[in-house]
Amino acid sequence: NSNLLANDLAKNVNISQDLQNHIANLVIKDDKGKQFSLKDLPKKPYIIHGWASWCAPCIVELPELNEFYQKYKYNYNIIPVILADNKSNDQIKILLKRISASNLPIYRENQNFQ
């Protein structure tokens, strides 16, 4: 059960207070330029996945994230965030289609996320 897995992971992951604060204040923008913070999202668990088009391991992970997104998008806030990437949204859409991950939303960092 995915909820049990998420709960087990949450109990076993130790996240520093600084990182918790940074994530809580993270501002993201969608492919239309609309900004939002995680506080604006429905109250359900978050999965934040940072990736970039130049990161080969990231690209390998995206089709699986796409499948997970399709299956669990109503249970989790799944946020694949493009980090430090200068490709246009159209180029990103082409890439996502090419690797069978075209259902993923396009979100970009709007502040430094490290």
C-alpha atoms as a PDB file:
ATOM      1  CA  ASN A   1       0.000   0.000   0.000  1.00  0.00           C
ATOM      2  CA  SER A   2       1.507   3.318  -1.077  1.00  0.00           C
ATOM      3  CA  ASN A   3       0.118   5.200   1.942  1.00  0.00           C
ATOM      4  CA  LEU A   4       1.851   2.824   4.314  1.00  0.00           C
ATOM      5  CA  LEU A   5       5.077   3.183   2.364  1.00  0.00           C
ATOM      6  CA  ALA A   6       4.884   6.979   2.471  1.00  0.00           C
ATOM      7  CA  ASN A   7       4.118   6.942   6.200  1.00  0.00           C
ATOM      8  CA  ASP A   8       7.011   4.550   6.887  1.00  0.00           C
ATOM      9  CA  LEU A   9       9.365   6.738   4.874  1.00  0.00           C
ATOM     10  CA  ALA A  10       8.211   9.872   6.645  1.00  0.00           C
ATOM     11  CA  LYS A  11       8.867   8.278  10.037  1.00  0.00           C
ATOM     12  CA  ASN A  12      12.350   7.119   9.031  1.00  0.00           C
ATOM     13  CA  VAL A  13      13.598  10.245   7.261  1.00  0.00           C
ATOM     14  CA  ASN A  14      15.295  12.868   9.370  1.00  0.00           C
ATOM     15  CA  ILE A  15      15.040  16.263   7.687  1.00  0.00           C
ATOM     16  CA  SER A  16      16.821  19.231   9.218  1.00  0.00           C
ATOM     17  CA  GLN A  17      14.712  22.138  10.417  1.00  0.00           C
ATOM     18  CA  ASP A  18      16.495  24.426   7.921  1.00  0.00           C
ATOM     19  CA  LEU A  19      15.535  22.179   5.019  1.00  0.00           C
ATOM     20  CA  GLN A  20      11.959  21.889   6.314  1.00  0.00           C
ATOM     21  CA  ASN A  21      11.722  25.692   6.458  1.00  0.00           C
ATOM     22  CA  HIS A  22      13.245  26.062   2.994  1.00  0.00           C
ATOM     23  CA  ILE A  23      10.797  23.583   1.480  1.00  0.00           C
ATOM     24  CA  ALA A  24       7.852  25.165   3.302  1.00  0.00           C
ATOM     25  CA  ASN A  25       8.767  28.542   1.800  1.00  0.00           C
ATOM     26  CA  LEU A  26       9.623  27.240  -1.660  1.00  0.00           C
ATOM     27  CA  VAL A  27       7.966  29.200  -4.464  1.00  0.00           C
ATOM     28  CA  ILE A  28       7.397  27.380  -7.749  1.00  0.00           C
ATOM     29  CA  LYS A  29       5.916  28.508 -11.036  1.00  0.00           C
ATOM     30  CA  ASP A  30       3.973  26.430 -13.505  1.00  0.00           C
ATOM     31  CA  ASP A  31       4.408  26.381 -17.279  1.00  0.00           C
ATOM     32  CA  LYS A  32       2.075  29.380 -17.595  1.00  0.00           C
ATOM     33  CA  GLY A  33       4.168  31.453 -15.162  1.00  0.00           C
ATOM     34  CA  LYS A  34       1.718  31.245 -12.250  1.00  0.00           C
ATOM     35  CA  GLN A  35       3.574  31.216  -8.932  1.00  0.00           C
ATOM     36  CA  PHE A  36       2.552  29.195  -5.914  1.00  0.00           C
ATOM     37  CA  SER A  37       4.054  27.856  -2.733  1.00  0.00           C
ATOM     38  CA  LEU A  38       3.619  24.460  -1.164  1.00  0.00           C
ATOM     39  CA  LYS A  39       1.372  26.095   1.426  1.00  0.00           C
ATOM     40  CA  ASP A  40      -1.124  26.751  -1.395  1.00  0.00           C
ATOM     41  CA  LEU A  41      -1.526  23.060  -2.233  1.00  0.00           C
ATOM     42  CA  PRO A  42      -4.084  20.623  -0.795  1.00  0.00           C
ATOM     43  CA  LYS A  43      -3.181  19.124   2.575  1.00  0.00           C
ATOM     44  CA  LYS A  44      -1.699  15.805   1.517  1.00  0.00           C
ATOM     45  CA  PRO A  45       1.846  14.393   1.444  1.00  0.00           C
ATOM     46  CA  TYR A  46       4.382  16.021  -0.893  1.00  0.00           C
ATOM     47  CA  ILE A  47       6.776  14.392  -3.274  1.00  0.00           C
ATOM     48  CA  ILE A  48       9.205  16.955  -4.645  1.00  0.00           C
ATOM     49  CA  HIS A  49      11.467  15.711  -7.413  1.00  0.00           C
ATOM     50  CA  GLY A  50      14.177  18.046  -8.693  1.00  0.00           C
ATOM     51  CA  TRP A  51      15.450  17.385 -12.185  1.00  0.00           C
ATOM     52  CA  ALA A  52      17.122  18.990 -15.201  1.00  0.00           C
ATOM     53  CA  SER A  53      17.264  18.102 -18.892  1.00  0.00           C
ATOM     54  CA  TRP A  54      21.071  17.802 -18.744  1.00  0.00           C
ATOM     55  CA  CYS A  55      20.954  15.299 -15.848  1.00  0.00           C
ATOM     56  CA  ALA A  56      21.039  11.777 -17.324  1.00  0.00           C
ATOM     57  CA  PRO A  57      19.959   9.977 -14.104  1.00  0.00           C
ATOM     58  CA  CYS A  58      17.054  12.434 -13.779  1.00  0.00           C
ATOM     59  CA  ILE A  59      15.857  11.661 -17.299  1.00  0.00           C
ATOM     60  CA  VAL A  60      16.002   7.923 -16.566  1.00  0.00           C
ATOM     61  CA  GLU A  61      13.765   8.439 -13.491  1.00  0.00           C
ATOM     62  CA  LEU A  62      11.096  10.562 -15.171  1.00  0.00           C
ATOM     63  CA  PRO A  63       9.125   7.786 -16.942  1.00  0.00           C
ATOM     64  CA  GLU A  64       8.701   6.004 -13.598  1.00  0.00           C
ATOM     65  CA  LEU A  65       7.733   9.261 -11.917  1.00  0.00           C
ATOM     66  CA  ASN A  66       5.220   9.773 -14.737  1.00  0.00           C
ATOM     67  CA  GLU A  67       3.638   6.381 -13.982  1.00  0.00           C
ATOM     68  CA  PHE A  68       3.586   7.137 -10.264  1.00  0.00           C
ATOM     69  CA  TYR A  69       2.041  10.541 -10.976  1.00  0.00           C
ATOM     70  CA  GLN A  70      -0.726   8.998 -13.089  1.00  0.00           C
ATOM     71  CA  LYS A  71      -1.512   6.446 -10.393  1.00  0.00           C
ATOM     72  CA  TYR A  72      -1.216   8.587  -7.249  1.00  0.00           C
ATOM     73  CA  LYS A  73      -1.745  12.246  -8.218  1.00  0.00           C
ATOM     74  CA  TYR A  74      -4.935  12.369  -6.142  1.00  0.00           C
ATOM     75  CA  ASN A  75      -3.183  10.948  -3.050  1.00  0.00           C
ATOM     76  CA  TYR A  76      -0.025  13.065  -3.148  1.00  0.00           C
ATOM     77  CA  ASN A  77       1.151  16.499  -4.229  1.00  0.00           C
ATOM     78  CA  ILE A  78       3.692  15.316  -6.803  1.00  0.00           C
ATOM     79  CA  ILE A  79       5.905  18.199  -7.834  1.00  0.00           C
ATOM     80  CA  PRO A  80       8.632  17.552 -10.417  1.00  0.00           C
ATOM     81  CA  VAL A  81      10.637  20.805 -10.333  1.00  0.00           C
ATOM     82  CA  ILE A  82      13.011  21.725 -13.148  1.00  0.00           C
ATOM     83  CA  LEU A  83      16.197  23.068 -11.586  1.00  0.00           C
ATOM     84  CA  ALA A  84      18.924  25.173 -13.217  1.00  0.00           C
ATOM     85  CA  ASP A  85      17.758  24.479 -16.757  1.00  0.00           C
ATOM     86  CA  ASN A  86      17.517  27.032 -19.551  1.00  0.00           C
ATOM     87  CA  LYS A  87      15.417  24.972 -21.957  1.00  0.00           C
ATOM     88  CA  SER A  88      12.081  26.500 -22.947  1.00  0.00           C
ATOM     89  CA  ASN A  89       8.802  24.925 -21.849  1.00  0.00           C
ATOM     90  CA  ASP A  90       8.244  23.779 -25.446  1.00  0.00           C
ATOM     91  CA  GLN A  91      11.624  22.024 -25.427  1.00  0.00           C
ATOM     92  CA  ILE A  92      10.803  20.434 -22.068  1.00  0.00           C
ATOM     93  CA  LYS A  93       7.432  19.220 -23.409  1.00  0.00           C
ATOM     94  CA  ILE A  94       9.183  17.625 -26.410  1.00  0.00           C
ATOM     95  CA  LEU A  95      11.675  15.923 -24.090  1.00  0.00           C
ATOM     96  CA  LEU A  96       8.931  14.613 -21.787  1.00  0.00           C
ATOM     97  CA  LYS A  97       7.005  13.244 -24.757  1.00  0.00           C
ATOM     98  CA  ARG A  98      10.138  11.574 -26.168  1.00  0.00           C
ATOM     99  CA  ILE A  99      10.837   9.734 -22.899  1.00  0.00           C
ATOM    100  CA  SER A 100       7.192   8.764 -22.240  1.00  0.00           C
ATOM    101  CA  ALA A 101       6.712  11.205 -19.367  1.00  0.00           C
ATOM    102  CA  SER A 102       4.383  13.711 -21.007  1.00  0.00           C
ATOM    103  CA  ASN A 103       1.752  13.540 -18.254  1.00  0.00           C
ATOM    104  CA  LEU A 104       4.052  15.244 -15.769  1.00  0.00           C
ATOM    105  CA  PRO A 105       3.305  18.886 -15.040  1.00  0.00           C
ATOM    106  CA  ILE A 106       6.040  21.418 -15.750  1.00  0.00           C
ATOM    107  CA  TYR A 107       7.138  23.362 -12.692  1.00  0.00           C
ATOM    108  CA  ARG A 108      10.223  25.541 -12.374  1.00  0.00           C
ATOM    109  CA  GLU A 109      12.110  26.805  -9.382  1.00  0.00           C
ATOM    110  CA  ASN A 110      11.362  30.419  -8.599  1.00  0.00           C
ATOM    111  CA  GLN A 111      14.094  30.720  -6.005  1.00  0.00           C
ATOM    112  CA  ASN A 112      17.311  28.935  -5.200  1.00  0.00           C
ATOM    113  CA  PHE A 113      16.599  25.307  -4.278  1.00  0.00           C
ATOM    114  CA  GLN A 114      19.663  23.442  -3.030  1.00  0.00           C
END
